[in-house]
Amino acid sequence: MANSNKRTVNIDGHITSVFLENEFWEEIIKISKKENTSPDRIISKIDKNKNTSNLSSAIRLYVLNHLKDQL
């Protein structure tokens, strides 16, 4: 079972905490490196475009869709 990890992120100047499994954090970091940006900027983009009130769920869906697009 994956371990959840709480991290503090800066979303457009607003500090918040997000709980995600380590595997999702690892993917967000990989995506940010690939796009030459920071994880906070990726998460800010996710937050602006999310269709749910839950940021953690929106991040998981973003990562899932990102990985699906690579197939």
PDB file of N, CA and C in Angstrom:
ATOM      1  N   MET A   1       0.844  -1.182   0.000  1.00  0.00           N
ATOM      2  CA  MET A   1       0.000   0.000   0.000  1.00  0.00           C
ATOM      3  C   MET A   1       0.886   1.241   0.000  1.00  0.00           C
ATOM      4  N   ALA A   2       0.506   2.218  -0.784  1.00  0.00           N
ATOM      5  CA  ALA A   2       1.293   3.437  -0.909  1.00  0.00           C
ATOM      6  C   ALA A   2       1.150   4.297   0.341  1.00  0.00           C
ATOM      7  N   ASN A   3       2.242   4.963   0.693  1.00  0.00           N
ATOM      8  CA  ASN A   3       2.227   5.885   1.825  1.00  0.00           C
ATOM      9  C   ASN A   3       1.817   7.269   1.349  1.00  0.00           C
ATOM     10  N   SER A   4       0.952   7.925   2.128  1.00  0.00           N
ATOM     11  CA  SER A   4       0.587   9.303   1.826  1.00  0.00           C
ATOM     12  C   SER A   4       1.602  10.232   2.442  1.00  0.00           C
ATOM     13  N   ASN A   5       1.767  11.356   1.813  1.00  0.00           N
ATOM     14  CA  ASN A   5       2.752  12.311   2.251  1.00  0.00           C
ATOM     15  C   ASN A   5       2.143  13.703   2.152  1.00  0.00           C
ATOM     16  N   LYS A   6       2.250  14.473   3.219  1.00  0.00           N
ATOM     17  CA  LYS A   6       1.739  15.844   3.238  1.00  0.00           C
ATOM     18  C   LYS A   6       2.865  16.787   2.835  1.00  0.00           C
ATOM     19  N   ARG A   7       2.566  17.662   1.908  1.00  0.00           N
ATOM     20  CA  ARG A   7       3.541  18.671   1.487  1.00  0.00           C
ATOM     21  C   ARG A   7       2.860  20.023   1.420  1.00  0.00           C
ATOM     22  N   THR A   8       3.645  21.025   1.667  1.00  0.00           N
ATOM     23  CA  THR A   8       3.177  22.400   1.566  1.00  0.00           C
ATOM     24  C   THR A   8       3.495  22.908   0.172  1.00  0.00           C
ATOM     25  N   VAL A   9       2.498  23.504  -0.475  1.00  0.00           N
ATOM     26  CA  VAL A   9       2.692  24.064  -1.809  1.00  0.00           C
ATOM     27  C   VAL A   9       2.231  25.516  -1.832  1.00  0.00           C
ATOM     28  N   ASN A  10       2.801  26.261  -2.736  1.00  0.00           N
ATOM     29  CA  ASN A  10       2.465  27.667  -2.922  1.00  0.00           C
ATOM     30  C   ASN A  10       1.678  27.774  -4.225  1.00  0.00           C
ATOM     31  N   ILE A  11       0.398  28.084  -4.091  1.00  0.00           N
ATOM     32  CA  ILE A  11      -0.480  28.215  -5.254  1.00  0.00           C
ATOM     33  C   ILE A  11      -0.764  29.691  -5.455  1.00  0.00           C
ATOM     34  N   ASP A  12      -0.029  30.291  -6.388  1.00  0.00           N
ATOM     35  CA  ASP A  12      -0.199  31.717  -6.694  1.00  0.00           C
ATOM     36  C   ASP A  12      -0.158  32.586  -5.435  1.00  0.00           C
ATOM     37  N   GLY A  13       0.818  32.334  -4.573  1.00  0.00           N
ATOM     38  CA  GLY A  13       1.004  33.140  -3.370  1.00  0.00           C
ATOM     39  C   GLY A  13       0.221  32.654  -2.160  1.00  0.00           C
ATOM     40  N   HIS A  14      -0.593  31.639  -2.326  1.00  0.00           N
ATOM     41  CA  HIS A  14      -1.381  31.070  -1.226  1.00  0.00           C
ATOM     42  C   HIS A  14      -0.750  29.746  -0.806  1.00  0.00           C
ATOM     43  N   ILE A  15      -0.346  29.642   0.449  1.00  0.00           N
ATOM     44  CA  ILE A  15       0.272  28.427   0.965  1.00  0.00           C
ATOM     45  C   ILE A  15      -0.819  27.465   1.435  1.00  0.00           C
ATOM     46  N   THR A  16      -0.716  26.218   0.996  1.00  0.00           N
ATOM     47  CA  THR A  16      -1.671  25.187   1.422  1.00  0.00           C
ATOM     48  C   THR A  16      -0.954  23.852   1.537  1.00  0.00           C
ATOM     49  N   SER A  17      -1.551  22.926   2.237  1.00  0.00           N
ATOM     50  CA  SER A  17      -1.001  21.584   2.373  1.00  0.00           C
ATOM     51  C   SER A  17      -1.803  20.623   1.511  1.00  0.00           C
ATOM     52  N   VAL A  18      -1.091  19.673   0.924  1.00  0.00           N
ATOM     53  CA  VAL A  18      -1.723  18.677   0.064  1.00  0.00           C
ATOM     54  C   VAL A  18      -1.233  17.298   0.498  1.00  0.00           C
ATOM     55  N   PHE A  19      -2.176  16.371   0.656  1.00  0.00           N
ATOM     56  CA  PHE A  19      -1.855  14.982   0.948  1.00  0.00           C
ATOM     57  C   PHE A  19      -1.942  14.179  -0.343  1.00  0.00           C
ATOM     58  N   LEU A  20      -0.835  13.522  -0.701  1.00  0.00           N
ATOM     59  CA  LEU A  20      -0.810  12.640  -1.864  1.00  0.00           C
ATOM     60  C   LEU A  20       0.089  11.448  -1.564  1.00  0.00           C
ATOM     61  N   GLU A  21      -0.181  10.353  -2.220  1.00  0.00           N
ATOM     62  CA  GLU A  21       0.706   9.212  -2.122  1.00  0.00           C
ATOM     63  C   GLU A  21       2.050   9.583  -2.749  1.00  0.00           C
ATOM     64  N   ASN A  22       3.112   8.971  -2.236  1.00  0.00           N
ATOM     65  CA  ASN A  22       4.460   9.292  -2.710  1.00  0.00           C
ATOM     66  C   ASN A  22       4.599   9.129  -4.220  1.00  0.00           C
ATOM     67  N   GLU A  23       3.931   8.137  -4.779  1.00  0.00           N
ATOM     68  CA  GLU A  23       4.023   7.901  -6.222  1.00  0.00           C
ATOM     69  C   GLU A  23       3.495   9.089  -7.027  1.00  0.00           C
ATOM     70  N   PHE A  24       2.459   9.732  -6.532  1.00  0.00           N
ATOM     71  CA  PHE A  24       1.931  10.908  -7.231  1.00  0.00           C
ATOM     72  C   PHE A  24       2.879  12.094  -7.094  1.00  0.00           C
ATOM     73  N   TRP A  25       3.479  12.266  -5.920  1.00  0.00           N
ATOM     74  CA  TRP A  25       4.479  13.329  -5.764  1.00  0.00           C
ATOM     75  C   TRP A  25       5.634  13.102  -6.728  1.00  0.00           C
ATOM     76  N   GLU A  26       6.086  11.851  -6.830  1.00  0.00           N
ATOM     77  CA  GLU A  26       7.195  11.540  -7.737  1.00  0.00           C
ATOM     78  C   GLU A  26       6.843  11.897  -9.177  1.00  0.00           C
ATOM     79  N   GLU A  27       5.617  11.597  -9.588  1.00  0.00           N
ATOM     80  CA  GLU A  27       5.196  11.916 -10.954  1.00  0.00           C
ATOM     81  C   GLU A  27       5.085  13.420 -11.177  1.00  0.00           C
ATOM     82  N   ILE A  28       4.573  14.150 -10.200  1.00  0.00           N
ATOM     83  CA  ILE A  28       4.488  15.612 -10.328  1.00  0.00           C
ATOM     84  C   ILE A  28       5.897  16.198 -10.485  1.00  0.00           C
ATOM     85  N   ILE A  29       6.844  15.684  -9.739  1.00  0.00           N
ATOM     86  CA  ILE A  29       8.231  16.156  -9.840  1.00  0.00           C
ATOM     87  C   ILE A  29       8.797  15.834 -11.215  1.00  0.00           C
ATOM     88  N   LYS A  30       8.542  14.622 -11.729  1.00  0.00           N
ATOM     89  CA  LYS A  30       9.013  14.250 -13.072  1.00  0.00           C
ATOM     90  C   LYS A  30       8.406  15.160 -14.136  1.00  0.00           C
ATOM     91  N   ILE A  31       7.098  15.402 -14.024  1.00  0.00           N
ATOM     92  CA  ILE A  31       6.416  16.266 -14.994  1.00  0.00           C
ATOM     93  C   ILE A  31       7.005  17.676 -14.952  1.00  0.00           C
ATOM     94  N   SER A  32       7.223  18.189 -13.755  1.00  0.00           N
ATOM     95  CA  SER A  32       7.753  19.554 -13.634  1.00  0.00           C
ATOM     96  C   SER A  32       9.155  19.652 -14.224  1.00  0.00           C
ATOM     97  N   LYS A  33       9.976  18.639 -14.026  1.00  0.00           N
ATOM     98  CA  LYS A  33      11.327  18.646 -14.616  1.00  0.00           C
ATOM     99  C   LYS A  33      11.250  18.596 -16.134  1.00  0.00           C
ATOM    100  N   LYS A  34      10.359  17.743 -16.641  1.00  0.00           N
ATOM    101  CA  LYS A  34      10.184  17.618 -18.089  1.00  0.00           C
ATOM    102  C   LYS A  34       9.716  18.930 -18.707  1.00  0.00           C
ATOM    103  N   GLU A  35       8.847  19.646 -17.988  1.00  0.00           N
ATOM    104  CA  GLU A  35       8.307  20.908 -18.494  1.00  0.00           C
ATOM    105  C   GLU A  35       9.132  22.111 -18.059  1.00  0.00           C
ATOM    106  N   ASN A  36      10.268  21.846 -17.394  1.00  0.00           N
ATOM    107  CA  ASN A  36      11.190  22.892 -16.957  1.00  0.00           C
ATOM    108  C   ASN A  36      10.495  23.957 -16.105  1.00  0.00           C
ATOM    109  N   THR A  37       9.744  23.480 -15.115  1.00  0.00           N
ATOM    110  CA  THR A  37       9.028  24.359 -14.210  1.00  0.00           C
ATOM    111  C   THR A  37       9.055  23.741 -12.815  1.00  0.00           C
ATOM    112  N   SER A  38       8.370  24.336 -11.887  1.00  0.00           N
ATOM    113  CA  SER A  38       8.358  23.819 -10.514  1.00  0.00           C
ATOM    114  C   SER A  38       7.085  23.005 -10.258  1.00  0.00           C
ATOM    115  N   PRO A  39       7.138  22.091  -9.300  1.00  0.00           N
ATOM    116  CA  PRO A  39       5.914  21.381  -8.914  1.00  0.00           C
ATOM    117  C   PRO A  39       4.806  22.343  -8.484  1.00  0.00           C
ATOM    118  N   ASP A  40       5.156  23.420  -7.790  1.00  0.00           N
ATOM    119  CA  ASP A  40       4.145  24.398  -7.367  1.00  0.00           C
ATOM    120  C   ASP A  40       3.430  25.008  -8.569  1.00  0.00           C
ATOM    121  N   ARG A  41       4.159  25.283  -9.640  1.00  0.00           N
ATOM    122  CA  ARG A  41       3.516  25.863 -10.831  1.00  0.00           C
ATOM    123  C   ARG A  41       2.594  24.857 -11.511  1.00  0.00           C
ATOM    124  N   ILE A  42       3.019  23.598 -11.545  1.00  0.00           N
ATOM    125  CA  ILE A  42       2.153  22.552 -12.105  1.00  0.00           C
ATOM    126  C   ILE A  42       0.872  22.464 -11.275  1.00  0.00           C
ATOM    127  N   ILE A  43       1.028  22.451  -9.955  1.00  0.00           N
ATOM    128  CA  ILE A  43      -0.133  22.333  -9.068  1.00  0.00           C
ATOM    129  C   ILE A  43      -1.020  23.571  -9.165  1.00  0.00           C
ATOM    130  N   SER A  44      -0.431  24.741  -9.345  1.00  0.00           N
ATOM    131  CA  SER A  44      -1.234  25.959  -9.546  1.00  0.00           C
ATOM    132  C   SER A  44      -2.075  25.843 -10.805  1.00  0.00           C
ATOM    133  N   LYS A  45      -1.481  25.316 -11.868  1.00  0.00           N
ATOM    134  CA  LYS A  45      -2.213  25.123 -13.124  1.00  0.00           C
ATOM    135  C   LYS A  45      -3.350  24.117 -12.922  1.00  0.00           C
ATOM    136  N   ILE A  46      -3.069  23.051 -12.195  1.00  0.00           N
ATOM    137  CA  ILE A  46      -4.100  22.052 -11.904  1.00  0.00           C
ATOM    138  C   ILE A  46      -5.230  22.695 -11.110  1.00  0.00           C
ATOM    139  N   ASP A  47      -4.871  23.490 -10.107  1.00  0.00           N
ATOM    140  CA  ASP A  47      -5.869  24.131  -9.254  1.00  0.00           C
ATOM    141  C   ASP A  47      -6.797  25.050 -10.056  1.00  0.00           C
ATOM    142  N   LYS A  48      -6.234  25.786 -10.992  1.00  0.00           N
ATOM    143  CA  LYS A  48      -7.036  26.708 -11.803  1.00  0.00           C
ATOM    144  C   LYS A  48      -8.013  25.979 -12.716  1.00  0.00           C
ATOM    145  N   ASN A  49      -7.640  24.772 -13.156  1.00  0.00           N
ATOM    146  CA  ASN A  49      -8.437  24.053 -14.152  1.00  0.00           C
ATOM    147  C   ASN A  49      -9.211  22.872 -13.592  1.00  0.00           C
ATOM    148  N   LYS A  50      -9.198  22.704 -12.277  1.00  0.00           N
ATOM    149  CA  LYS A  50      -9.821  21.509 -11.691  1.00  0.00           C
ATOM    150  C   LYS A  50     -11.343  21.555 -11.780  1.00  0.00           C
ATOM    151  N   ASN A  51     -11.932  20.351 -11.893  1.00  0.00           N
ATOM    152  CA  ASN A  51     -13.383  20.197 -11.951  1.00  0.00           C
ATOM    153  C   ASN A  51     -13.945  19.645 -10.652  1.00  0.00           C
ATOM    154  N   THR A  52     -13.153  19.655  -9.610  1.00  0.00           N
ATOM    155  CA  THR A  52     -13.537  19.153  -8.301  1.00  0.00           C
ATOM    156  C   THR A  52     -13.048  20.128  -7.243  1.00  0.00           C
ATOM    157  N   SER A  53     -13.661  20.109  -6.090  1.00  0.00           N
ATOM    158  CA  SER A  53     -13.201  21.013  -5.025  1.00  0.00           C
ATOM    159  C   SER A  53     -12.000  20.443  -4.288  1.00  0.00           C
ATOM    160  N   ASN A  54     -11.689  19.167  -4.526  1.00  0.00           N
ATOM    161  CA  ASN A  54     -10.596  18.507  -3.833  1.00  0.00           C
ATOM    162  C   ASN A  54      -9.322  18.564  -4.673  1.00  0.00           C
ATOM    163  N   LEU A  55      -8.337  19.327  -4.207  1.00  0.00           N
ATOM    164  CA  LEU A  55      -7.093  19.499  -4.962  1.00  0.00           C
ATOM    165  C   LEU A  55      -6.325  18.194  -5.090  1.00  0.00           C
ATOM    166  N   SER A  56      -6.278  17.399  -4.039  1.00  0.00           N
ATOM    167  CA  SER A  56      -5.554  16.116  -4.115  1.00  0.00           C
ATOM    168  C   SER A  56      -6.131  15.230  -5.212  1.00  0.00           C
ATOM    169  N   SER A  57      -7.438  15.163  -5.293  1.00  0.00           N
ATOM    170  CA  SER A  57      -8.081  14.369  -6.342  1.00  0.00           C
ATOM    171  C   SER A  57      -7.763  14.933  -7.725  1.00  0.00           C
ATOM    172  N   ALA A  58      -7.791  16.245  -7.847  1.00  0.00           N
ATOM    173  CA  ALA A  58      -7.474  16.881  -9.125  1.00  0.00           C
ATOM    174  C   ALA A  58      -6.041  16.572  -9.558  1.00  0.00           C
ATOM    175  N   ILE A  59      -5.120  16.550  -8.620  1.00  0.00           N
ATOM    176  CA  ILE A  59      -3.718  16.227  -8.942  1.00  0.00           C
ATOM    177  C   ILE A  59      -3.620  14.774  -9.391  1.00  0.00           C
ATOM    178  N   ARG A  60      -4.280  13.877  -8.685  1.00  0.00           N
ATOM    179  CA  ARG A  60      -4.252  12.460  -9.080  1.00  0.00           C
ATOM    180  C   ARG A  60      -4.797  12.283 -10.500  1.00  0.00           C
ATOM    181  N   LEU A  61      -5.908  12.952 -10.803  1.00  0.00           N
ATOM    182  CA  LEU A  61      -6.480  12.855 -12.145  1.00  0.00           C
ATOM    183  C   LEU A  61      -5.551  13.445 -13.199  1.00  0.00           C
ATOM    184  N   TYR A  62      -4.905  14.544 -12.867  1.00  0.00           N
ATOM    185  CA  TYR A  62      -3.957  15.165 -13.795  1.00  0.00           C
ATOM    186  C   TYR A  62      -2.818  14.195 -14.118  1.00  0.00           C
ATOM    187  N   VAL A  63      -2.265  13.583 -13.072  1.00  0.00           N
ATOM    188  CA  VAL A  63      -1.169  12.628 -13.273  1.00  0.00           C
ATOM    189  C   VAL A  63      -1.656  11.438 -14.090  1.00  0.00           C
ATOM    190  N   LEU A  64      -2.822  10.902 -13.750  1.00  0.00           N
ATOM    191  CA  LEU A  64      -3.374   9.774 -14.499  1.00  0.00           C
ATOM    192  C   LEU A  64      -3.528  10.129 -15.972  1.00  0.00           C
ATOM    193  N   ASN A  65      -4.134  11.258 -16.259  1.00  0.00           N
ATOM    194  CA  ASN A  65      -4.332  11.676 -17.642  1.00  0.00           C
ATOM    195  C   ASN A  65      -3.018  11.934 -18.358  1.00  0.00           C
ATOM    196  N   HIS A  66      -2.060  12.491 -17.652  1.00  0.00           N
ATOM    197  CA  HIS A  66      -0.732  12.727 -18.225  1.00  0.00           C
ATOM    198  C   HIS A  66      -0.094  11.401 -18.636  1.00  0.00           C
ATOM    199  N   LEU A  67      -0.171  10.413 -17.756  1.00  0.00           N
ATOM    200  CA  LEU A  67       0.409   9.100 -18.052  1.00  0.00           C
ATOM    201  C   LEU A  67      -0.348   8.413 -19.180  1.00  0.00           C
ATOM    202  N   LYS A  68      -1.669   8.527 -19.205  1.00  0.00           N
ATOM    203  CA  LYS A  68      -2.467   7.936 -20.272  1.00  0.00           C
ATOM    204  C   LYS A  68      -2.109   8.554 -21.625  1.00  0.00           C
ATOM    205  N   ASP A  69      -1.867   9.856 -21.643  1.00  0.00           N
ATOM    206  CA  ASP A  69      -1.506  10.549 -22.878  1.00  0.00           C
ATOM    207  C   ASP A  69      -0.170  10.069 -23.433  1.00  0.00           C
ATOM    208  N   GLN A  70       0.675   9.538 -22.556  1.00  0.00           N
ATOM    209  CA  GLN A  70       2.001   9.051 -22.991  1.00  0.00           C
ATOM    210  C   GLN A  70       1.926   7.671 -23.652  1.00  0.00           C
ATOM    211  N   LEU A  71       0.806   6.986 -23.484  1.00  0.00           N
ATOM    212  CA  LEU A  71       0.668   5.631 -24.063  1.00  0.00           C
ATOM    213  C   LEU A  71       0.435   5.674 -25.541  1.00  0.00           C
TER     214      LEU A  71
END
